[in-house]
Amino acid sequence: MAVQILDAGLLTQHPARPDRLRAADWALRGACPAHTSTPLLRLAALSLVVRTAPASDHGVAEAEHVARECGVPATALPSLLEQLVTAGVLLTWQAVLDTGEVSWRLGPNALRPYPAIEDAD
């Protein structure tokens, strides 16, 4: 088997550039209060915050997608979400069994999603 990259632009990208590393570090650190969280909780908080609409504190996503993003089995997701409630990152969460979705409301300790910055020019 051989793999050929057809998009030459991919060869010029540097995924480990310092600015991207700093942005990722900021996002993970800011997603959850450091004194009350583990790396898993920060990752879960970030996953939920990015799935929350700007200017809103409510979000909804497929439970299996959230679990996969967090690197936990779907059966462990309720426990993880309860830990986020305890940490104040979420106010509430609810699993919708009919659709396989999970919904949540961000709490006072959550990083808030901001609207995209628009170019003034």
N, C-alpha and C. Protein backbone atom coordinates (compact mmCIF):
# COMPACT_ATOMS: atom_id res chain seq x y z
N MET A 1 0.84 -1.17 0.00
CA MET A 1 0.00 0.00 0.00
C MET A 1 0.89 1.23 0.00
N ALA A 2 0.51 2.22 -0.78
CA ALA A 2 1.23 3.48 -0.85
C ALA A 2 0.25 4.62 -0.65
N VAL A 3 0.72 5.69 -0.04
CA VAL A 3 -0.09 6.87 0.19
C VAL A 3 0.56 8.03 -0.53
N GLN A 4 -0.26 8.80 -1.24
CA GLN A 4 0.25 9.96 -1.96
C GLN A 4 -0.57 11.17 -1.54
N ILE A 5 0.12 12.23 -1.12
CA ILE A 5 -0.55 13.47 -0.75
C ILE A 5 -0.71 14.31 -2.02
N LEU A 6 -1.95 14.58 -2.37
CA LEU A 6 -2.23 15.33 -3.59
C LEU A 6 -2.34 16.83 -3.35
N ASP A 7 -2.54 17.24 -2.12
CA ASP A 7 -2.66 18.66 -1.81
C ASP A 7 -1.30 19.18 -1.35
N ALA A 8 -0.62 19.93 -2.21
CA ALA A 8 0.71 20.43 -1.89
C ALA A 8 0.68 21.39 -0.70
N GLY A 9 -0.45 22.04 -0.45
CA GLY A 9 -0.58 22.96 0.67
C GLY A 9 -0.39 22.28 2.01
N LEU A 10 -0.73 21.01 2.09
CA LEU A 10 -0.54 20.28 3.35
C LEU A 10 0.93 20.15 3.72
N LEU A 11 1.78 20.12 2.73
CA LEU A 11 3.21 19.96 2.99
C LEU A 11 3.83 21.21 3.60
N THR A 12 3.19 22.37 3.41
CA THR A 12 3.76 23.62 3.93
C THR A 12 3.18 23.99 5.29
N GLN A 13 2.21 23.25 5.79
CA GLN A 13 1.63 23.56 7.10
C GLN A 13 2.53 23.02 8.21
N HIS A 14 2.52 23.74 9.31
CA HIS A 14 3.30 23.34 10.48
C HIS A 14 2.37 23.22 11.67
N PRO A 15 1.80 22.04 11.91
CA PRO A 15 0.80 21.91 12.97
C PRO A 15 1.33 22.14 14.37
N ALA A 16 2.64 22.11 14.55
CA ALA A 16 3.19 22.29 15.90
C ALA A 16 3.80 23.68 16.07
N ARG A 17 3.35 24.64 15.29
CA ARG A 17 3.87 25.99 15.41
C ARG A 17 3.58 26.54 16.80
N PRO A 18 4.47 27.36 17.34
CA PRO A 18 4.30 27.88 18.70
C PRO A 18 2.98 28.63 18.91
N ASP A 19 2.51 29.37 17.91
CA ASP A 19 1.26 30.11 18.12
C ASP A 19 0.08 29.17 18.27
N ARG A 20 0.08 28.06 17.54
CA ARG A 20 -1.00 27.08 17.69
C ARG A 20 -0.90 26.35 19.02
N LEU A 21 0.32 26.09 19.45
CA LEU A 21 0.50 25.45 20.75
C LEU A 21 0.02 26.35 21.88
N ARG A 22 0.33 27.64 21.79
CA ARG A 22 -0.12 28.59 22.82
C ARG A 22 -1.65 28.69 22.82
N ALA A 23 -2.25 28.72 21.64
CA ALA A 23 -3.71 28.81 21.56
C ALA A 23 -4.37 27.58 22.16
N ALA A 24 -3.83 26.41 21.86
CA ALA A 24 -4.38 25.17 22.42
C ALA A 24 -4.20 25.14 23.93
N ASP A 25 -3.05 25.59 24.41
CA ASP A 25 -2.80 25.62 25.84
C ASP A 25 -3.76 26.57 26.53
N TRP A 26 -3.98 27.75 25.94
CA TRP A 26 -4.92 28.72 26.51
C TRP A 26 -6.32 28.12 26.57
N ALA A 27 -6.73 27.49 25.49
CA ALA A 27 -8.09 26.94 25.43
C ALA A 27 -8.29 25.87 26.49
N LEU A 28 -7.33 24.97 26.63
CA LEU A 28 -7.48 23.90 27.62
C LEU A 28 -7.41 24.43 29.05
N ARG A 29 -6.54 25.40 29.29
CA ARG A 29 -6.44 25.95 30.65
C ARG A 29 -7.66 26.79 31.00
N GLY A 30 -8.19 27.51 30.03
CA GLY A 30 -9.31 28.39 30.30
C GLY A 30 -10.66 27.70 30.30
N ALA A 31 -10.72 26.47 29.83
CA ALA A 31 -12.00 25.79 29.70
C ALA A 31 -12.60 25.39 31.03
N CYS A 32 -11.80 25.28 32.05
CA CYS A 32 -12.27 24.79 33.34
C CYS A 32 -11.35 25.35 34.42
N PRO A 33 -11.85 25.69 35.58
CA PRO A 33 -10.98 26.21 36.63
C PRO A 33 -9.89 25.19 36.99
N ALA A 34 -8.66 25.63 36.94
CA ALA A 34 -7.52 24.72 37.13
C ALA A 34 -7.52 24.06 38.50
N HIS A 35 -7.95 24.77 39.52
CA HIS A 35 -7.89 24.20 40.87
C HIS A 35 -8.93 23.11 41.11
N THR A 36 -9.90 23.00 40.22
CA THR A 36 -10.95 21.99 40.44
C THR A 36 -10.98 20.94 39.34
N SER A 37 -9.97 20.90 38.50
CA SER A 37 -10.12 20.01 37.36
C SER A 37 -8.88 19.20 37.06
N THR A 38 -9.12 18.15 36.33
CA THR A 38 -8.07 17.30 35.79
C THR A 38 -7.99 17.59 34.30
N PRO A 39 -6.97 17.11 33.62
CA PRO A 39 -6.93 17.31 32.17
C PRO A 39 -8.17 16.77 31.46
N LEU A 40 -8.72 15.66 31.93
CA LEU A 40 -9.94 15.12 31.32
C LEU A 40 -11.12 16.07 31.47
N LEU A 41 -11.28 16.67 32.66
CA LEU A 41 -12.36 17.62 32.86
C LEU A 41 -12.18 18.86 31.99
N ARG A 42 -10.95 19.34 31.86
CA ARG A 42 -10.70 20.51 31.01
C ARG A 42 -11.01 20.19 29.56
N LEU A 43 -10.64 19.00 29.11
CA LEU A 43 -10.94 18.60 27.73
C LEU A 43 -12.45 18.49 27.52
N ALA A 44 -13.14 17.88 28.47
CA ALA A 44 -14.60 17.75 28.36
C ALA A 44 -15.26 19.12 28.36
N ALA A 45 -14.81 20.02 29.22
CA ALA A 45 -15.37 21.37 29.26
C ALA A 45 -15.15 22.08 27.94
N LEU A 46 -13.97 21.97 27.39
CA LEU A 46 -13.68 22.60 26.11
C LEU A 46 -14.54 22.02 25.01
N SER A 47 -14.73 20.71 25.02
CA SER A 47 -15.56 20.05 24.01
C SER A 47 -16.99 20.58 24.05
N LEU A 48 -17.53 20.78 25.24
CA LEU A 48 -18.90 21.26 25.37
C LEU A 48 -19.00 22.75 25.03
N VAL A 49 -18.01 23.54 25.43
CA VAL A 49 -18.04 24.97 25.16
C VAL A 49 -18.00 25.24 23.66
N VAL A 50 -17.18 24.51 22.91
CA VAL A 50 -17.11 24.76 21.47
C VAL A 50 -18.37 24.29 20.76
N ARG A 51 -19.16 23.45 21.40
CA ARG A 51 -20.42 23.01 20.81
C ARG A 51 -21.60 23.85 21.30
N THR A 52 -21.32 24.90 22.06
CA THR A 52 -22.35 25.82 22.54
C THR A 52 -22.39 27.02 21.61
N ALA A 53 -23.58 27.39 21.19
CA ALA A 53 -23.72 28.51 20.26
C ALA A 53 -23.24 29.81 20.90
N PRO A 54 -22.60 30.67 20.11
CA PRO A 54 -22.19 31.98 20.66
C PRO A 54 -23.39 32.74 21.21
N ALA A 55 -23.15 33.50 22.26
CA ALA A 55 -24.19 34.29 22.93
C ALA A 55 -25.28 33.42 23.53
N SER A 56 -24.97 32.18 23.83
CA SER A 56 -25.93 31.27 24.45
C SER A 56 -25.21 30.48 25.53
N ASP A 57 -25.95 29.95 26.47
CA ASP A 57 -25.33 29.06 27.45
C ASP A 57 -25.90 27.65 27.35
N HIS A 58 -26.70 27.39 26.31
CA HIS A 58 -27.28 26.07 26.08
C HIS A 58 -26.59 25.40 24.90
N GLY A 59 -26.39 24.10 25.02
CA GLY A 59 -25.81 23.34 23.92
C GLY A 59 -26.43 21.96 23.82
N VAL A 60 -26.26 21.36 22.66
CA VAL A 60 -26.76 20.00 22.42
C VAL A 60 -25.84 19.33 21.41
N ALA A 61 -25.59 18.04 21.60
CA ALA A 61 -24.74 17.28 20.70
C ALA A 61 -25.05 15.80 20.87
N GLU A 62 -24.60 15.02 19.92
CA GLU A 62 -24.75 13.57 20.05
C GLU A 62 -23.82 13.09 21.16
N ALA A 63 -24.38 12.31 22.06
CA ALA A 63 -23.62 11.85 23.22
C ALA A 63 -22.39 11.05 22.81
N GLU A 64 -22.51 10.23 21.81
CA GLU A 64 -21.35 9.42 21.38
C GLU A 64 -20.24 10.29 20.83
N HIS A 65 -20.58 11.37 20.15
CA HIS A 65 -19.54 12.28 19.62
C HIS A 65 -18.80 12.96 20.76
N VAL A 66 -19.54 13.41 21.76
CA VAL A 66 -18.92 14.07 22.90
C VAL A 66 -18.01 13.08 23.64
N ALA A 67 -18.49 11.88 23.86
CA ALA A 67 -17.68 10.87 24.54
C ALA A 67 -16.41 10.57 23.75
N ARG A 68 -16.53 10.44 22.44
CA ARG A 68 -15.36 10.16 21.61
C ARG A 68 -14.35 11.30 21.67
N GLU A 69 -14.84 12.55 21.61
CA GLU A 69 -13.94 13.70 21.70
C GLU A 69 -13.20 13.74 23.02
N CYS A 70 -13.86 13.28 24.07
CA CYS A 70 -13.26 13.29 25.41
C CYS A 70 -12.42 12.05 25.68
N GLY A 71 -12.49 11.07 24.80
CA GLY A 71 -11.70 9.86 24.98
C GLY A 71 -12.22 8.94 26.05
N VAL A 72 -13.54 8.98 26.28
CA VAL A 72 -14.14 8.09 27.28
C VAL A 72 -15.22 7.25 26.61
N PRO A 73 -15.51 6.08 27.16
CA PRO A 73 -16.63 5.31 26.63
C PRO A 73 -17.95 6.04 26.90
N ALA A 74 -18.93 5.82 26.05
CA ALA A 74 -20.22 6.49 26.19
C ALA A 74 -20.84 6.22 27.56
N THR A 75 -20.55 5.06 28.14
CA THR A 75 -21.11 4.73 29.45
C THR A 75 -20.51 5.58 30.57
N ALA A 76 -19.33 6.17 30.34
CA ALA A 76 -18.67 7.00 31.34
C ALA A 76 -19.07 8.47 31.22
N LEU A 77 -19.78 8.84 30.16
CA LEU A 77 -20.13 10.24 29.94
C LEU A 77 -21.00 10.83 31.05
N PRO A 78 -22.03 10.13 31.55
CA PRO A 78 -22.83 10.72 32.64
C PRO A 78 -22.00 11.09 33.87
N SER A 79 -21.07 10.23 34.24
CA SER A 79 -20.21 10.52 35.39
C SER A 79 -19.34 11.75 35.11
N LEU A 80 -18.82 11.85 33.91
CA LEU A 80 -17.98 12.99 33.53
C LEU A 80 -18.79 14.29 33.56
N LEU A 81 -20.02 14.25 33.06
CA LEU A 81 -20.86 15.44 33.07
C LEU A 81 -21.23 15.84 34.50
N GLU A 82 -21.45 14.87 35.37
CA GLU A 82 -21.73 15.17 36.77
C GLU A 82 -20.54 15.85 37.44
N GLN A 83 -19.33 15.43 37.08
CA GLN A 83 -18.13 16.07 37.62
C GLN A 83 -18.05 17.52 37.16
N LEU A 84 -18.48 17.79 35.92
CA LEU A 84 -18.50 19.16 35.42
C LEU A 84 -19.55 20.01 36.14
N VAL A 85 -20.67 19.40 36.52
CA VAL A 85 -21.67 20.10 37.32
C VAL A 85 -21.08 20.44 38.68
N THR A 86 -20.41 19.49 39.30
CA THR A 86 -19.79 19.70 40.60
C THR A 86 -18.75 20.82 40.55
N ALA A 87 -18.01 20.90 39.45
CA ALA A 87 -16.98 21.93 39.28
C ALA A 87 -17.57 23.28 38.89
N GLY A 88 -18.88 23.34 38.62
CA GLY A 88 -19.51 24.59 38.25
C GLY A 88 -19.36 24.95 36.79
N VAL A 89 -18.83 24.03 36.00
CA VAL A 89 -18.69 24.27 34.56
C VAL A 89 -20.05 24.14 33.88
N LEU A 90 -20.85 23.21 34.34
CA LEU A 90 -22.22 23.04 33.85
C LEU A 90 -23.19 23.31 34.98
N LEU A 91 -24.32 23.93 34.64
CA LEU A 91 -25.40 24.05 35.62
C LEU A 91 -26.23 22.78 35.62
N THR A 92 -26.59 22.33 34.42
CA THR A 92 -27.39 21.11 34.28
C THR A 92 -27.00 20.41 32.99
N TRP A 93 -27.38 19.16 32.92
CA TRP A 93 -27.25 18.40 31.67
C TRP A 93 -28.36 17.37 31.65
N GLN A 94 -28.70 16.91 30.45
CA GLN A 94 -29.77 15.93 30.30
C GLN A 94 -29.48 15.06 29.09
N ALA A 95 -29.66 13.76 29.25
CA ALA A 95 -29.54 12.83 28.14
C ALA A 95 -30.93 12.59 27.56
N VAL A 96 -31.02 12.67 26.24
CA VAL A 96 -32.27 12.40 25.54
C VAL A 96 -32.13 11.02 24.90
N LEU A 97 -32.73 10.02 25.52
CA LEU A 97 -32.53 8.64 25.09
C LEU A 97 -33.08 8.37 23.70
N ASP A 98 -34.18 9.03 23.32
CA ASP A 98 -34.79 8.80 22.01
C ASP A 98 -33.85 9.17 20.86
N THR A 99 -33.11 10.26 21.03
CA THR A 99 -32.26 10.76 19.95
C THR A 99 -30.78 10.45 20.16
N GLY A 100 -30.40 10.03 21.35
CA GLY A 100 -28.99 9.76 21.63
C GLY A 100 -28.20 11.04 21.84
N GLU A 101 -28.90 12.13 22.13
CA GLU A 101 -28.23 13.41 22.32
C GLU A 101 -28.10 13.73 23.80
N VAL A 102 -27.21 14.65 24.07
CA VAL A 102 -27.05 15.19 25.41
C VAL A 102 -27.15 16.71 25.28
N SER A 103 -27.87 17.32 26.21
CA SER A 103 -27.98 18.78 26.22
C SER A 103 -27.44 19.28 27.55
N TRP A 104 -27.02 20.54 27.57
CA TRP A 104 -26.41 21.10 28.77
C TRP A 104 -26.64 22.60 28.81
N ARG A 105 -26.40 23.14 29.99
CA ARG A 105 -26.40 24.58 30.21
C ARG A 105 -25.11 24.92 30.93
N LEU A 106 -24.34 25.84 30.37
CA LEU A 106 -23.05 26.21 30.96
C LEU A 106 -23.24 26.87 32.31
N GLY A 107 -22.33 26.58 33.22
CA GLY A 107 -22.37 27.14 34.56
C GLY A 107 -21.48 28.36 34.69
N PRO A 108 -21.37 28.88 35.91
CA PRO A 108 -20.61 30.11 36.14
C PRO A 108 -19.10 29.96 35.94
N ASN A 109 -18.58 28.76 36.03
CA ASN A 109 -17.13 28.56 35.88
C ASN A 109 -16.71 28.14 34.48
N ALA A 110 -17.61 28.20 33.53
CA ALA A 110 -17.29 27.77 32.17
C ALA A 110 -16.70 28.92 31.37
N LEU A 111 -15.78 28.59 30.51
CA LEU A 111 -15.28 29.54 29.53
C LEU A 111 -16.43 29.83 28.58
N ARG A 112 -16.71 31.07 28.30
CA ARG A 112 -17.83 31.43 27.44
C ARG A 112 -17.39 31.50 25.99
N PRO A 113 -18.22 30.94 25.10
CA PRO A 113 -17.91 31.05 23.67
C PRO A 113 -18.12 32.49 23.22
N TYR A 114 -17.23 32.97 22.40
CA TYR A 114 -17.34 34.32 21.87
C TYR A 114 -17.67 34.26 20.41
N PRO A 115 -18.41 35.25 19.90
CA PRO A 115 -18.68 35.27 18.45
C PRO A 115 -17.38 35.47 17.69
N ALA A 116 -17.38 35.03 16.46
CA ALA A 116 -16.20 35.15 15.62
C ALA A 116 -15.83 36.62 15.45
N ILE A 117 -14.55 36.91 15.42
CA ILE A 117 -14.08 38.27 15.21
C ILE A 117 -14.17 38.57 13.72
N GLU A 118 -14.87 39.64 13.39
CA GLU A 118 -15.04 40.00 12.01
C GLU A 118 -14.03 41.06 11.63
N ASP A 119 -13.55 40.97 10.40
CA ASP A 119 -12.60 41.94 9.88
C ASP A 119 -13.30 43.25 9.63
N ALA A 120 -12.77 44.35 10.13
CA ALA A 120 -13.40 45.66 9.99
C ALA A 120 -13.19 46.26 8.62
N ASP A 121 -12.30 45.72 7.83
CA ASP A 121 -12.01 46.29 6.50
C ASP A 121 -13.05 45.96 5.50
